[in-house]
Amino acid sequence: MALDLSKFYQVYNPSKTLNVGNAQDRKYYIDFSAVRGGKIIEELGRTIARLSPDEPTCQLFTGHIGCGKSTELLRLKNELEQQKFHVVYFESSQDLVMADLDVTDILLAIARQVSESLEQAKIVLQPRGFKALLQGAAKVLQTEIELSGKASVPGVGNLKASTSGEFSVGFGIGEITAKTKNSPDLRSQLRQYLEPRTDTLLEVINKELLEPAIKELKLQNKQGLVVIIDNLDRMSISAKPSGRSQPEYLFVDRGEQLKQLKCHLVYTIPLVLTFSNDQGMLNNRFGVEPKLLPMVRVRSRSGSVYDEGMELMRQMVLARAFPDVEPQQRLTLISEVFDSLETLDRLCLVSGGHVRNLLVLLHSCLQKEDPPLSRKCLEDVIRRQRDALIRAVSDREWELLFQVAKQQIVKGEDEYQTLLRSMFVFEYQDEEGGWFSINPILAEAKQLQS
């Protein structure tokens, strides 16, 4: 079977997230749960659909950036929809300023996304209290704009417009947040208005939006409402005025408010919280431990090649080249993509089981030559990435890397910031628990060979 080069280049875009709800994307999807240390998405889904279908739940999900969290959350969305739940999935980074977040920002983003999704489902609500709250916010912003000498903003003072002619929560929030997203001063003004009214905001979201929506959804033979808030793990970890980091402030200090929404919630959270001294308090706030999505095991703890993980990584690469071919038959087509099986295996091993890392390496190879990709081309790409990583490592960080190589442990927030955020070290899980290993590209640096 000949390789379709035009499609081949498209599906190896490292920034593309697979959506298994899409029939074509589903052909590319590989289930790595057996080699990640557990069926994390199944556990999230069971908690919602089996353990507590009629009571609100709030769960936390985390992992390294690029390890496949969004793909897995979209799989969760698809599976819950098949079980007759109405699922609202959204990328918070599209609505929010990730360097400057507060609880009311997140609550408004959820309310907006839920409202717009309900309108698409032909569910019309009459949120009078919400309307009054937003009109108050609009007046505050209008005053601020006038005082700054700028022209008034069309639509801010009038929250009645929508496609149906009725008041729309989603439209109203969108009008307000569009004016504040690029203005720290206006965001501050909005927060000063909403912060003392947080309990009111929670009440109107629950009483006028979520609870009546769930009643209407059940009349449509739905099981309930699930909201999945993706990309909150990308928030800045900078300090708030109180001295607390933004993740600690939002999920530890204010976590009780984030979990008060009366529907099923799944929040992505920054991985640093699992290294924080406040992790115990985080677990107590939410009543659950965060679910961690680790890397795919391509090597075992001892460093030996892990055959099951390697087999699935090979399939991830080949499925995108030959999505309509059976898995075993794909192995006979390796020569269409690589000059040898050894080159494919080298790619899988040096990726460290980091899905996006593998795609970045492969994409870089495709920028240099057409398939079948040569071992020399791959080694050139690996060397360039290694050189880039080495330039970023300080003497102190080399010492920490030596410790990880010996002990397979990362401890505390400082080591997380130094080693994991910089992608110097990856995390893995097996039946015995978790361990850490140096990014294989960096592990080949001569500084570590001794």
Protein backbone atom coordinates (compact mmCIF):
# COMPACT_ATOMS: atom_id res chain seq x y z
CA MET A 1 0.00 0.00 0.00
CA ALA A 2 1.41 3.38 -1.03
CA LEU A 3 1.70 6.19 1.50
CA ASP A 4 -0.60 9.20 0.96
CA LEU A 5 1.98 11.94 1.53
CA SER A 6 -0.43 14.90 1.64
CA LYS A 7 -2.53 13.33 4.43
CA PHE A 8 0.60 11.99 6.12
CA TYR A 9 2.02 15.50 6.63
CA GLN A 10 -1.28 16.80 8.00
CA VAL A 11 -1.78 14.14 10.67
CA TYR A 12 1.69 14.57 12.12
CA ASN A 13 1.04 18.15 13.20
CA PRO A 14 2.22 18.15 16.87
CA SER A 15 -0.32 20.82 17.83
CA LYS A 16 -3.34 18.83 16.62
CA THR A 17 -5.46 17.23 19.36
CA LEU A 18 -7.24 14.01 18.43
CA ASN A 19 -10.97 14.00 19.06
CA VAL A 20 -12.20 10.41 19.23
CA GLY A 21 -15.74 11.71 18.73
CA ASN A 22 -14.64 12.32 15.16
CA ALA A 23 -14.69 9.13 13.06
CA GLN A 24 -11.43 9.90 11.24
CA ASP A 25 -9.53 10.90 14.39
CA ARG A 26 -10.73 7.70 16.06
CA LYS A 27 -8.71 5.69 13.52
CA TYR A 28 -5.53 7.39 14.75
CA TYR A 29 -6.23 6.94 18.45
CA ILE A 30 -4.24 4.40 20.48
CA ASP A 31 -5.34 3.44 23.99
CA PHE A 32 -2.19 3.63 26.15
CA SER A 33 -3.92 2.97 29.50
CA ALA A 34 -2.30 -0.47 29.91
CA VAL A 35 1.18 1.08 29.75
CA ARG A 36 0.47 4.28 31.69
CA GLY A 37 -0.19 2.49 34.97
CA GLY A 38 -3.99 2.61 35.08
CA LYS A 39 -7.28 3.33 33.32
CA ILE A 40 -7.48 6.95 34.39
CA ILE A 41 -10.24 8.04 32.01
CA GLU A 42 -12.32 4.98 32.86
CA GLU A 43 -12.02 5.91 36.55
CA LEU A 44 -13.20 9.48 35.90
CA GLY A 45 -16.11 8.19 33.85
CA ARG A 46 -17.13 5.51 36.36
CA THR A 47 -17.23 8.06 39.17
CA ILE A 48 -19.71 10.10 37.16
CA ALA A 49 -21.82 7.45 35.44
CA ARG A 50 -21.76 4.56 37.93
CA LEU A 51 -20.93 5.80 41.42
CA SER A 52 -22.79 9.12 41.43
CA PRO A 53 -24.93 9.71 38.32
CA ASP A 54 -27.52 11.83 40.16
CA GLU A 55 -25.26 13.73 42.58
CA PRO A 56 -22.68 16.39 41.64
CA THR A 57 -19.06 15.25 41.53
CA CYS A 58 -15.84 17.22 41.23
CA GLN A 59 -12.65 15.55 40.00
CA LEU A 60 -9.13 16.77 39.27
CA PHE A 61 -6.95 15.69 36.35
CA THR A 62 -3.30 16.51 35.72
CA GLY A 63 -0.17 15.45 33.87
CA HIS A 64 2.78 16.75 31.92
CA ILE A 65 2.04 19.21 29.11
CA GLY A 66 2.01 17.31 25.83
CA CYS A 67 1.41 13.86 27.31
CA GLY A 68 -2.10 13.61 25.82
CA LYS A 69 -4.48 15.01 28.46
CA SER A 70 -6.74 16.85 26.02
CA THR A 71 -7.05 13.80 23.78
CA GLU A 72 -8.01 11.69 26.81
CA LEU A 73 -10.53 14.26 28.05
CA LEU A 74 -12.17 14.36 24.62
CA ARG A 75 -12.36 10.57 24.81
CA LEU A 76 -14.07 10.95 28.22
CA LYS A 77 -16.52 13.41 26.64
CA ASN A 78 -17.33 10.98 23.85
CA GLU A 79 -17.84 8.04 26.23
CA LEU A 80 -20.10 10.03 28.57
CA GLU A 81 -22.16 11.28 25.64
CA GLN A 82 -22.68 7.68 24.58
CA GLN A 83 -24.05 7.10 28.09
CA LYS A 84 -26.56 9.92 27.53
CA PHE A 85 -24.85 12.70 29.46
CA HIS A 86 -24.82 16.25 28.13
CA VAL A 87 -21.12 17.16 28.18
CA VAL A 88 -19.69 20.67 27.94
CA TYR A 89 -15.96 20.54 27.15
CA PHE A 90 -13.97 23.74 26.68
CA GLU A 91 -10.39 24.93 26.63
CA SER A 92 -10.13 27.54 29.37
CA SER A 93 -7.15 29.19 27.67
CA GLN A 94 -9.53 30.39 24.94
CA ASP A 95 -11.68 32.30 27.47
CA LEU A 96 -9.28 33.26 30.23
CA VAL A 97 -6.00 35.12 30.74
CA MET A 98 -3.84 32.28 32.09
CA ALA A 99 -1.33 34.63 33.71
CA ASP A 100 -4.03 36.40 35.73
CA LEU A 101 -6.91 34.28 37.06
CA ASP A 102 -9.39 34.46 39.89
CA VAL A 103 -12.26 32.26 41.00
CA THR A 104 -14.94 34.53 39.54
CA ASP A 105 -13.19 34.41 36.14
CA ILE A 106 -13.43 30.60 36.11
CA LEU A 107 -17.05 30.61 37.31
CA LEU A 108 -18.07 33.07 34.60
CA ALA A 109 -16.28 31.03 31.92
CA ILE A 110 -18.12 27.88 33.02
CA ALA A 111 -21.47 29.71 33.08
CA ARG A 112 -20.86 31.10 29.61
CA GLN A 113 -19.90 27.76 28.07
CA VAL A 114 -22.80 25.92 29.72
CA SER A 115 -25.31 28.59 28.65
CA GLU A 116 -24.15 28.53 25.03
CA SER A 117 -24.21 24.72 24.95
CA LEU A 118 -27.74 24.66 26.37
CA GLU A 119 -28.92 27.13 23.74
CA GLN A 120 -27.58 24.78 21.06
CA ALA A 121 -29.59 22.01 22.72
CA LYS A 122 -32.73 24.21 22.45
CA ILE A 123 -32.96 24.69 26.22
CA VAL A 124 -34.13 28.21 27.07
CA LEU A 125 -33.90 29.43 30.67
CA GLN A 126 -35.01 32.66 32.40
CA PRO A 127 -32.08 33.64 34.65
CA ARG A 128 -33.43 36.87 36.15
CA GLY A 129 -30.97 37.05 39.03
CA PHE A 130 -28.08 36.36 36.69
CA LYS A 131 -29.28 39.14 34.41
CA ALA A 132 -29.34 41.63 37.30
CA LEU A 133 -25.82 40.57 38.40
CA LEU A 134 -24.40 41.01 34.91
CA GLN A 135 -26.14 44.34 34.39
CA GLY A 136 -24.52 45.55 37.61
CA ALA A 137 -21.13 44.43 36.31
CA ALA A 138 -21.79 46.12 32.97
CA LYS A 139 -22.58 49.41 34.68
CA VAL A 140 -19.35 49.24 36.66
CA LEU A 141 -17.33 48.67 33.50
CA GLN A 142 -19.20 51.38 31.60
CA THR A 143 -18.38 53.88 34.36
CA GLU A 144 -14.75 52.85 34.27
CA ILE A 145 -14.57 53.28 30.50
CA GLU A 146 -16.20 56.71 30.64
CA LEU A 147 -13.89 57.86 33.43
CA SER A 148 -10.89 56.81 31.38
CA GLY A 149 -11.99 59.18 28.61
CA LYS A 150 -12.79 56.47 26.08
CA ALA A 151 -15.97 56.13 24.12
CA SER A 152 -18.65 53.91 25.59
CA VAL A 153 -18.55 50.32 24.46
CA PRO A 154 -21.55 49.23 22.40
CA GLY A 155 -23.45 46.39 23.99
CA VAL A 156 -21.85 46.51 27.45
CA GLY A 157 -24.75 48.31 29.03
CA ASN A 158 -27.35 46.35 27.12
CA LEU A 159 -27.33 42.62 27.80
CA LYS A 160 -30.57 41.79 26.04
CA ALA A 161 -29.28 41.03 22.56
CA SER A 162 -28.93 37.44 21.42
CA THR A 163 -29.74 35.43 18.34
CA SER A 164 -33.18 34.64 19.73
CA GLY A 165 -33.93 38.15 20.98
CA GLU A 166 -34.06 36.87 24.59
CA PHE A 167 -31.52 37.54 27.32
CA SER A 168 -28.63 35.09 27.05
CA VAL A 169 -26.25 34.43 29.93
CA GLY A 170 -23.59 33.30 27.50
CA PHE A 171 -23.98 36.39 25.35
CA GLY A 172 -23.97 38.69 28.37
CA ILE A 173 -20.83 37.16 29.88
CA GLY A 174 -19.16 37.19 26.47
CA GLU A 175 -19.88 40.91 26.08
CA ILE A 176 -18.36 41.66 29.47
CA THR A 177 -15.30 39.40 29.33
CA ALA A 178 -14.45 40.53 25.79
CA LYS A 179 -13.94 44.03 27.21
CA THR A 180 -11.82 42.88 30.15
CA LYS A 181 -9.62 40.19 28.57
CA ASN A 182 -7.02 42.62 27.22
CA SER A 183 -7.26 45.13 30.04
CA PRO A 184 -5.81 44.35 33.51
CA ASP A 185 -7.48 47.50 34.89
CA LEU A 186 -10.94 46.45 33.70
CA ARG A 187 -10.40 42.88 34.99
CA SER A 188 -9.52 44.33 38.37
CA GLN A 189 -12.62 46.53 38.30
CA LEU A 190 -14.84 43.58 37.41
CA ARG A 191 -13.32 41.47 40.21
CA GLN A 192 -13.82 44.22 42.76
CA TYR A 193 -17.50 44.15 41.86
CA LEU A 194 -17.88 40.33 41.74
CA GLU A 195 -15.60 39.20 44.58
CA PRO A 196 -17.91 40.23 47.45
CA ARG A 197 -20.76 38.70 45.42
CA THR A 198 -19.09 35.31 44.83
CA ASP A 199 -21.71 33.49 46.89
CA THR A 200 -24.44 35.25 44.92
CA LEU A 201 -22.74 34.32 41.66
CA LEU A 202 -22.57 30.67 42.74
CA GLU A 203 -26.22 30.74 43.77
CA VAL A 204 -27.49 32.15 40.47
CA ILE A 205 -25.34 29.74 38.45
CA ASN A 206 -26.72 26.82 40.43
CA LYS A 207 -30.34 27.91 40.87
CA GLU A 208 -30.95 29.64 37.53
CA LEU A 209 -28.64 27.77 35.19
CA LEU A 210 -27.39 24.35 36.28
CA GLU A 211 -30.30 22.92 38.28
CA PRO A 212 -33.06 23.92 35.81
CA ALA A 213 -30.83 22.81 32.93
CA ILE A 214 -30.42 19.35 34.42
CA LYS A 215 -34.20 19.06 34.83
CA GLU A 216 -34.70 19.99 31.18
CA LEU A 217 -31.93 17.63 30.05
CA LYS A 218 -33.56 14.73 31.89
CA LEU A 219 -36.80 15.50 30.05
CA GLN A 220 -34.71 14.99 26.89
CA ASN A 221 -33.68 11.56 28.23
CA LYS A 222 -30.24 12.74 29.31
CA GLN A 223 -28.53 11.38 32.43
CA GLY A 224 -27.17 14.72 33.60
CA LEU A 225 -24.71 17.55 32.93
CA VAL A 226 -20.91 17.23 32.88
CA VAL A 227 -18.51 20.18 32.50
CA ILE A 228 -14.88 19.47 31.57
CA ILE A 229 -12.56 22.46 31.98
CA ASP A 230 -9.37 21.77 30.05
CA ASN A 231 -6.06 23.70 29.99
CA LEU A 232 -6.22 25.12 33.52
CA ASP A 233 -2.95 23.23 34.00
CA ARG A 234 -1.39 25.88 31.73
CA MET A 235 -2.01 28.73 34.15
CA SER A 236 0.95 30.78 35.31
CA ILE A 237 2.37 29.70 38.66
CA SER A 238 3.33 33.27 39.54
CA ALA A 239 2.65 34.58 43.04
CA LYS A 240 -0.53 36.40 44.01
CA PRO A 241 -0.29 39.52 46.24
CA SER A 242 -0.81 37.22 49.24
CA GLY A 243 2.41 35.41 48.35
CA ARG A 244 0.58 32.22 47.41
CA SER A 245 1.15 30.84 43.92
CA GLN A 246 -1.79 31.17 41.54
CA PRO A 247 -2.52 27.37 41.53
CA GLU A 248 -2.40 27.19 45.36
CA TYR A 249 -4.63 30.23 45.69
CA LEU A 250 -7.26 28.93 43.26
CA PHE A 251 -7.41 25.24 44.08
CA VAL A 252 -6.35 25.13 47.74
CA ASP A 253 -7.41 28.46 49.23
CA ARG A 254 -10.52 28.87 47.04
CA GLY A 255 -11.12 25.25 46.03
CA GLU A 256 -14.22 24.98 48.19
CA GLN A 257 -15.97 27.52 45.96
CA LEU A 258 -14.84 25.89 42.71
CA LYS A 259 -16.45 22.60 43.75
CA GLN A 260 -19.82 24.13 44.74
CA LEU A 261 -21.29 24.06 41.24
CA LYS A 262 -24.20 21.61 41.13
CA CYS A 263 -23.15 19.44 38.22
CA HIS A 264 -20.38 16.98 37.39
CA LEU A 265 -17.05 18.81 37.09
CA VAL A 266 -13.62 17.78 35.84
CA TYR A 267 -10.90 20.40 36.34
CA THR A 268 -7.42 20.11 34.87
CA ILE A 269 -4.90 21.38 37.44
CA PRO A 270 -1.20 22.30 37.24
CA LEU A 271 1.08 19.34 37.92
CA VAL A 272 3.04 21.43 40.44
CA LEU A 273 0.18 21.01 42.94
CA THR A 274 1.04 17.31 43.28
CA PHE A 275 4.50 18.39 44.51
CA SER A 276 3.18 21.04 46.88
CA ASN A 277 3.19 20.88 50.67
CA ASP A 278 -0.52 21.67 50.32
CA GLN A 279 -1.36 18.48 48.42
CA GLY A 280 -3.03 16.99 51.49
CA MET A 281 -5.16 20.10 51.90
CA LEU A 282 -5.99 20.01 48.18
CA ASN A 283 -7.24 16.43 48.55
CA ASN A 284 -9.32 17.44 51.58
CA ARG A 285 -10.81 20.46 49.77
CA PHE A 286 -12.07 18.38 46.87
CA GLY A 287 -12.51 15.03 48.61
CA VAL A 288 -10.51 13.29 45.87
CA GLU A 289 -6.89 12.84 44.83
CA PRO A 290 -5.89 14.28 41.44
CA LYS A 291 -5.75 11.71 38.65
CA LEU A 292 -2.31 11.77 37.03
CA LEU A 293 -1.67 10.94 33.36
CA PRO A 294 2.00 9.87 33.15
CA MET A 295 4.18 9.08 30.14
CA VAL A 296 3.88 5.88 28.12
CA ARG A 297 6.35 3.30 29.41
CA VAL A 298 8.81 2.44 26.67
CA ARG A 299 11.36 1.30 29.26
CA SER A 300 10.89 -0.36 32.64
CA ARG A 301 12.29 0.91 35.93
CA SER A 302 15.45 -1.10 35.32
CA GLY A 303 15.99 0.60 31.97
CA SER A 304 15.20 -2.41 29.82
CA VAL A 305 12.95 -1.98 26.78
CA TYR A 306 9.27 -2.41 27.70
CA ASP A 307 7.85 -4.40 24.82
CA GLU A 308 4.14 -3.67 25.36
CA GLY A 309 4.72 0.09 25.44
CA MET A 310 6.98 -0.05 22.40
CA GLU A 311 4.38 -1.99 20.46
CA LEU A 312 1.73 0.65 21.14
CA MET A 313 4.07 3.53 20.30
CA ARG A 314 4.89 1.89 16.96
CA GLN A 315 1.16 1.61 16.30
CA MET A 316 0.64 5.28 17.15
CA VAL A 317 3.12 6.24 14.43
CA LEU A 318 1.89 3.73 11.85
CA ALA A 319 -1.83 4.29 12.48
CA ARG A 320 -1.47 7.87 11.25
CA ALA A 321 0.22 6.65 8.10
CA PHE A 322 -2.20 3.75 7.47
CA PRO A 323 -5.41 4.39 9.44
CA ASP A 324 -7.49 1.90 7.45
CA VAL A 325 -5.03 -0.99 7.79
CA GLU A 326 -5.21 -3.63 10.54
CA PRO A 327 -2.53 -3.24 13.28
CA GLN A 328 -0.55 -6.36 12.39
CA GLN A 329 -0.56 -5.55 8.70
CA ARG A 330 0.79 -2.05 9.43
CA LEU A 331 4.03 -3.62 10.65
CA THR A 332 4.62 -4.95 7.15
CA LEU A 333 4.45 -1.37 5.81
CA ILE A 334 7.18 0.16 7.98
CA SER A 335 9.47 0.53 4.95
CA GLU A 336 7.01 3.06 3.48
CA VAL A 337 7.70 5.40 6.40
CA PHE A 338 11.19 4.53 7.71
CA ASP A 339 14.32 3.00 6.26
CA SER A 340 14.17 0.24 8.90
CA LEU A 341 12.35 -1.03 11.97
CA GLU A 342 15.39 0.06 14.00
CA THR A 343 14.84 3.69 12.98
CA LEU A 344 11.21 3.53 14.08
CA ASP A 345 12.22 1.96 17.40
CA ARG A 346 14.91 4.57 17.93
CA LEU A 347 12.25 7.27 17.49
CA CYS A 348 9.90 5.60 19.99
CA LEU A 349 12.60 5.05 22.61
CA VAL A 350 14.16 8.50 22.40
CA SER A 351 10.72 10.12 22.76
CA GLY A 352 10.57 8.72 26.28
CA GLY A 353 6.93 7.81 25.76
CA HIS A 354 6.02 11.51 25.55
CA VAL A 355 3.45 11.60 22.75
CA ARG A 356 3.99 15.19 21.64
CA ASN A 357 7.77 14.79 21.84
CA LEU A 358 7.55 11.94 19.37
CA LEU A 359 5.39 13.98 17.01
CA VAL A 360 7.76 16.96 17.25
CA LEU A 361 10.73 14.73 16.37
CA LEU A 362 8.86 13.17 13.47
CA HIS A 363 7.63 16.53 12.20
CA SER A 364 11.22 17.84 12.25
CA CYS A 365 12.32 14.83 10.19
CA LEU A 366 9.57 15.49 7.65
CA GLN A 367 10.79 19.07 7.31
CA LYS A 368 14.17 17.67 6.23
CA GLU A 369 13.17 14.82 3.88
CA ASP A 370 10.31 12.74 2.48
CA PRO A 371 9.61 9.19 3.67
CA PRO A 372 11.06 6.69 4.02
CA LEU A 373 12.85 8.62 6.75
CA SER A 374 16.51 7.72 7.23
CA ARG A 375 18.33 6.96 10.46
CA LYS A 376 20.79 9.76 9.67
CA CYS A 377 17.97 12.29 9.39
CA LEU A 378 16.53 11.18 12.74
CA GLU A 379 19.92 11.35 14.46
CA ASP A 380 20.45 14.88 13.13
CA VAL A 381 17.11 15.95 14.62
CA ILE A 382 17.87 14.25 17.94
CA ARG A 383 21.28 15.92 18.15
CA ARG A 384 19.77 19.38 17.58
CA GLN A 385 17.18 18.83 20.31
CA ARG A 386 19.86 17.53 22.69
CA ASP A 387 22.04 20.58 22.07
CA ALA A 388 19.07 22.87 22.78
CA LEU A 389 18.33 21.06 26.06
CA ILE A 390 21.97 21.05 27.18
CA ARG A 391 22.23 24.82 26.71
CA ALA A 392 19.44 25.26 29.26
CA VAL A 393 21.00 23.11 32.03
CA SER A 394 22.92 24.86 34.82
CA ASP A 395 25.60 23.25 37.02
CA ARG A 396 23.08 22.90 39.87
CA GLU A 397 20.60 21.24 37.50
CA TRP A 398 23.23 18.71 36.36
CA GLU A 399 23.62 17.74 40.03
CA LEU A 400 19.85 17.23 40.34
CA LEU A 401 19.85 15.15 37.16
CA PHE A 402 22.60 12.92 38.61
CA GLN A 403 20.35 12.37 41.66
CA VAL A 404 17.36 11.46 39.48
CA ALA A 405 19.50 9.02 37.49
CA LYS A 406 20.48 7.27 40.74
CA GLN A 407 17.28 7.51 42.79
CA GLN A 408 14.46 7.92 40.20
CA ILE A 409 12.83 10.45 42.53
CA VAL A 410 11.79 14.12 42.23
CA LYS A 411 10.90 15.88 45.48
CA GLY A 412 9.17 19.17 46.21
CA GLU A 413 8.16 22.23 44.21
CA ASP A 414 11.70 23.47 43.58
CA GLU A 415 12.76 20.23 41.89
CA TYR A 416 9.49 20.14 39.96
CA GLN A 417 10.14 23.66 38.63
CA THR A 418 13.71 22.80 37.72
CA LEU A 419 13.29 19.33 36.23
CA LEU A 420 9.73 18.61 35.11
CA ARG A 421 8.57 22.00 33.82
CA SER A 422 11.77 22.17 31.77
CA MET A 423 11.06 18.65 30.43
CA PHE A 424 14.46 17.46 31.66
CA VAL A 425 12.71 14.59 33.49
CA PHE A 426 9.62 12.46 32.76
CA GLU A 427 7.27 10.62 35.14
CA TYR A 428 6.06 7.03 34.77
CA GLN A 429 3.69 4.68 36.60
CA ASP A 430 3.48 0.91 36.92
CA GLU A 431 1.93 -1.60 39.31
CA GLU A 432 4.44 -0.62 42.03
CA GLY A 433 3.79 3.11 41.78
CA GLY A 434 5.59 6.03 40.17
CA TRP A 435 9.17 6.82 39.24
CA PHE A 436 11.09 9.44 37.30
CA SER A 437 13.60 9.13 34.49
CA ILE A 438 15.71 11.63 32.57
CA ASN A 439 14.39 12.67 29.17
CA PRO A 440 16.18 10.12 26.91
CA ILE A 441 17.44 12.84 24.56
CA LEU A 442 19.13 14.63 27.46
CA ALA A 443 20.27 11.35 29.04
CA GLU A 444 22.59 10.85 26.05
CA ALA A 445 24.49 14.08 26.83
CA LYS A 446 28.15 13.38 27.55
CA GLN A 447 27.79 15.22 30.87
CA LEU A 448 25.60 12.33 32.09
CA GLN A 449 27.36 9.40 30.45
CA SER A 450 29.66 8.82 33.43
